Amino acid sequence: MKKTLTDIDGNVYNTVQIGDQVWMAENLKVRHYNDGTEIPTGHSDEEWIALETGAYADYDDNKSNADTYGCLYNWYALETGKLAPKGWHVPTDEEWKELEM
């Protein structure tokens, strides 16, 4: 049975169970943190490199690419702990290693 989850922006994601883990079956494309705060975007390459705050970008700077590829997030957006939908989290290294095994 396929299950879905919805992020704060209303994007619906399929999930898949692999072993004992449940994963999102597609890349994240949320534009707001799970507390409703907007994630900044629209930075030039030079600005992106110098950022020390959370931000996202669309692949090839084309917003419609998010539907196919998801969004690209910098480390600071991840580090907030508010990127994934409520009740979910970005996988840890240990969780990735378990998936690989």
Protein backbone atom coordinates (compact mmCIF):
# COMPACT_ATOMS: atom_id res chain seq x y z
CA MET A 1 0.00 0.00 0.00
CA LYS A 2 1.43 3.36 -1.04
CA LYS A 3 1.31 6.16 1.47
CA THR A 4 1.72 9.86 0.89
CA LEU A 5 2.69 12.89 2.91
CA THR A 6 2.09 16.57 2.32
CA ASP A 7 4.46 19.45 3.04
CA ILE A 8 3.51 22.92 4.26
CA ASP A 9 3.22 24.18 0.65
CA GLY A 10 0.71 21.45 -0.26
CA ASN A 11 3.14 19.33 -2.30
CA VAL A 12 2.23 15.65 -2.02
CA TYR A 13 5.01 13.05 -1.92
CA ASN A 14 4.82 9.29 -2.33
CA THR A 15 6.65 7.19 0.24
CA VAL A 16 8.26 3.78 -0.01
CA GLN A 17 9.30 1.29 2.64
CA ILE A 18 12.75 -0.23 2.21
CA GLY A 19 13.53 -2.74 4.94
CA ASP A 20 12.54 -1.11 8.22
CA GLN A 21 12.88 2.42 6.85
CA VAL A 22 10.24 4.62 5.21
CA TRP A 23 11.60 7.10 2.66
CA MET A 24 10.10 9.80 0.50
CA ALA A 25 10.08 8.43 -3.04
CA GLU A 26 10.88 11.81 -4.59
CA ASN A 27 12.97 14.88 -3.89
CA LEU A 28 11.77 17.68 -1.65
CA LYS A 29 10.40 20.79 -3.37
CA VAL A 30 9.16 22.86 -0.45
CA ARG A 31 9.62 26.64 -0.50
CA HIS A 32 8.76 27.27 3.16
CA TYR A 33 10.15 25.78 6.35
CA ASN A 34 7.69 23.56 8.20
CA ASP A 35 6.93 26.48 10.55
CA GLY A 36 5.67 28.57 7.60
CA THR A 37 8.74 30.79 7.27
CA GLU A 38 9.66 31.44 3.63
CA ILE A 39 12.99 30.00 2.46
CA PRO A 40 14.89 32.71 0.55
CA THR A 41 15.77 32.19 -3.11
CA GLY A 42 16.89 34.16 -6.17
CA HIS A 43 20.56 34.49 -5.25
CA SER A 44 23.29 34.84 -7.84
CA ASP A 45 26.04 32.21 -7.89
CA GLU A 46 28.38 34.59 -6.06
CA GLU A 47 25.75 35.37 -3.41
CA TRP A 48 24.92 31.66 -2.96
CA ILE A 49 28.56 30.81 -2.24
CA ALA A 50 28.80 33.57 0.39
CA LEU A 51 25.49 32.82 2.15
CA GLU A 52 25.44 32.01 5.85
CA THR A 53 21.66 31.66 6.03
CA GLY A 54 19.20 29.13 4.60
CA ALA A 55 18.25 29.33 0.94
CA TYR A 56 17.04 27.20 -1.96
CA ALA A 57 17.40 27.31 -5.72
CA ASP A 58 15.68 25.66 -8.64
CA TYR A 59 17.74 23.49 -10.96
CA ASP A 60 18.91 25.57 -13.94
CA ASP A 61 17.11 28.57 -12.34
CA ASN A 62 13.84 27.24 -13.80
CA LYS A 63 10.98 27.03 -11.27
CA SER A 64 9.20 24.32 -13.28
CA ASN A 65 12.20 22.00 -12.77
CA ALA A 66 11.19 21.58 -9.12
CA ASP A 67 8.35 19.28 -10.20
CA THR A 68 10.85 16.91 -11.79
CA TYR A 69 14.02 17.33 -9.73
CA GLY A 70 12.93 18.95 -6.47
CA CYS A 71 14.70 22.04 -5.12
CA LEU A 72 18.34 22.50 -4.20
CA TYR A 73 18.94 23.56 -0.58
CA ASN A 74 22.06 24.87 1.05
CA TRP A 75 23.51 23.51 4.29
CA TYR A 76 22.05 26.36 6.34
CA ALA A 77 18.50 25.47 5.26
CA LEU A 78 19.12 21.85 6.24
CA GLU A 79 20.69 22.83 9.54
CA THR A 80 17.48 24.59 10.72
CA GLY A 81 15.82 21.20 11.31
CA LYS A 82 12.68 22.68 9.72
CA LEU A 83 13.18 21.66 6.10
CA ALA A 84 11.38 18.31 6.05
CA PRO A 85 7.60 18.04 6.53
CA LYS A 86 6.48 17.87 10.18
CA GLY A 87 7.07 14.39 11.57
CA TRP A 88 9.89 13.77 9.08
CA HIS A 89 13.58 14.65 8.99
CA VAL A 90 16.43 14.79 6.53
CA PRO A 91 18.24 11.42 6.74
CA THR A 92 21.39 11.12 8.80
CA ASP A 93 24.59 9.51 7.53
CA GLU A 94 23.72 6.45 9.60
CA GLU A 95 20.31 6.17 7.94
CA TRP A 96 21.89 6.43 4.49
CA LYS A 97 24.38 3.72 5.42
CA GLU A 98 21.56 1.46 6.61
CA LEU A 99 19.77 2.01 3.29
CA GLU A 100 22.94 1.14 1.38
CA MET A 101 23.29 -2.14 3.29
